[in-house]
Protein backbone atom coordinates (compact mmCIF):
# COMPACT_ATOMS: atom_id res chain seq x y z
CA UNK A 1 78.21 101.36 94.43
CA UNK A 2 78.29 105.17 94.27
CA UNK A 3 80.64 105.32 97.28
CA UNK A 4 83.02 102.89 95.57
CA UNK A 5 83.01 104.95 92.37
CA UNK A 6 83.60 108.14 94.37
CA UNK A 7 86.57 106.51 96.09
CA UNK A 8 88.21 105.50 92.82
CA UNK A 9 87.58 108.94 91.30
CA UNK A 10 89.17 110.59 94.33
CA UNK A 11 92.09 108.13 94.17
CA UNK A 12 92.66 108.81 90.48
CA UNK A 13 92.43 112.58 91.04
CA UNK A 14 94.98 112.35 93.84
CA UNK A 15 97.39 110.34 91.69
CA UNK A 16 97.01 112.73 88.75
CA UNK A 17 97.75 115.66 91.06
CA UNK A 18 101.08 114.02 91.92
CA UNK A 19 100.12 112.87 95.40
CA UNK A 20 101.06 109.48 96.73
CA UNK A 21 97.89 108.06 98.31
CA UNK A 22 98.32 105.64 101.18
CA UNK A 23 98.06 101.97 100.16
CA UNK A 24 99.18 98.52 101.18
CA UNK A 25 102.59 97.15 100.29
CA UNK A 26 101.14 95.77 97.05
CA UNK A 27 98.92 98.76 96.30
CA UNK A 28 95.73 96.92 97.16
CA UNK A 29 92.54 98.68 98.29
CA UNK A 30 89.66 96.82 99.93
CA UNK A 31 86.62 98.87 99.01
CA UNK A 32 83.05 97.88 99.73
CA UNK A 33 79.80 99.57 98.80
CA UNK A 34 78.31 98.08 101.96
CA UNK A 35 79.36 96.65 105.27
CA UNK A 36 82.31 94.34 105.47
CA UNK A 37 81.97 91.66 108.11
CA UNK A 38 85.57 91.84 109.32
CA UNK A 39 85.36 88.74 111.52
CA UNK A 40 84.24 86.64 108.54
CA UNK A 41 86.99 88.12 106.37
CA UNK A 42 89.71 87.42 108.95
CA UNK A 43 88.39 83.88 109.55
CA UNK A 44 88.51 83.15 105.81
CA UNK A 45 92.07 84.48 105.59
CA UNK A 46 93.10 82.34 108.58
CA UNK A 47 91.61 79.21 106.99
CA UNK A 48 93.44 79.92 103.72
CA UNK A 49 96.73 80.45 105.58
CA UNK A 50 96.26 77.18 107.47
CA UNK A 51 95.52 75.33 104.24
CA UNK A 52 98.82 76.62 102.85
CA UNK A 53 100.67 75.70 106.09
CA UNK A 54 101.56 79.35 106.75
CA UNK A 55 100.07 79.16 110.27
CA UNK A 56 99.64 76.29 112.73
CA UNK A 57 95.93 76.84 113.39
CA UNK A 58 93.16 79.01 112.03
CA UNK A 59 92.12 80.72 115.26
CA UNK A 60 91.65 84.48 115.08
CA UNK A 61 92.23 86.54 118.21
CA UNK A 62 92.74 90.15 119.19
CA UNK A 63 96.31 91.35 118.87
CA UNK A 64 98.21 91.84 122.13
CA UNK A 65 99.56 95.24 123.12
CA UNK A 66 103.04 94.21 121.96
CA UNK A 67 101.72 93.02 118.59
CA UNK A 68 99.71 96.23 118.14
CA UNK A 69 102.88 98.21 118.80
CA UNK A 70 104.74 96.18 116.16
CA UNK A 71 101.87 96.77 113.70
CA UNK A 72 101.94 100.49 114.47
CA UNK A 73 105.67 100.67 113.81
CA UNK A 74 105.30 98.74 110.55
CA UNK A 75 102.45 101.01 109.41
CA UNK A 76 104.10 104.18 110.70
CA UNK A 77 101.08 105.14 112.82
CA UNK A 78 100.29 105.52 116.54
CA UNK A 79 99.42 102.25 118.29
CA UNK A 80 96.05 103.73 119.29
CA UNK A 81 94.96 103.88 115.63
CA UNK A 82 95.98 100.35 114.60
CA UNK A 83 92.50 98.89 115.03
CA UNK A 84 90.90 101.57 112.86
CA UNK A 85 93.60 101.19 110.20
CA UNK A 86 93.22 97.42 109.85
CA UNK A 87 89.50 97.03 110.48
CA UNK A 88 88.03 99.88 108.52
CA UNK A 89 86.27 101.35 111.54
């Protein structure tokens, strides 16, 4: 809980100083005071997307090299850091 509070204090301080902290397209932050079980999170998202007919099946797999490159370009980061950026490692 303290780590989460520290994050939000640092975020607020950064905003008040006129900085533009990195965030998702919708300004969402996924903050956890403990471990996040990424596989469970991704599986839940896949099931929800299947339920809404956004995807054809709910299987979750590692992104291919080509997909990682596309993610890197979309995020504006090197392909080698995609995994850390999307998994919180």
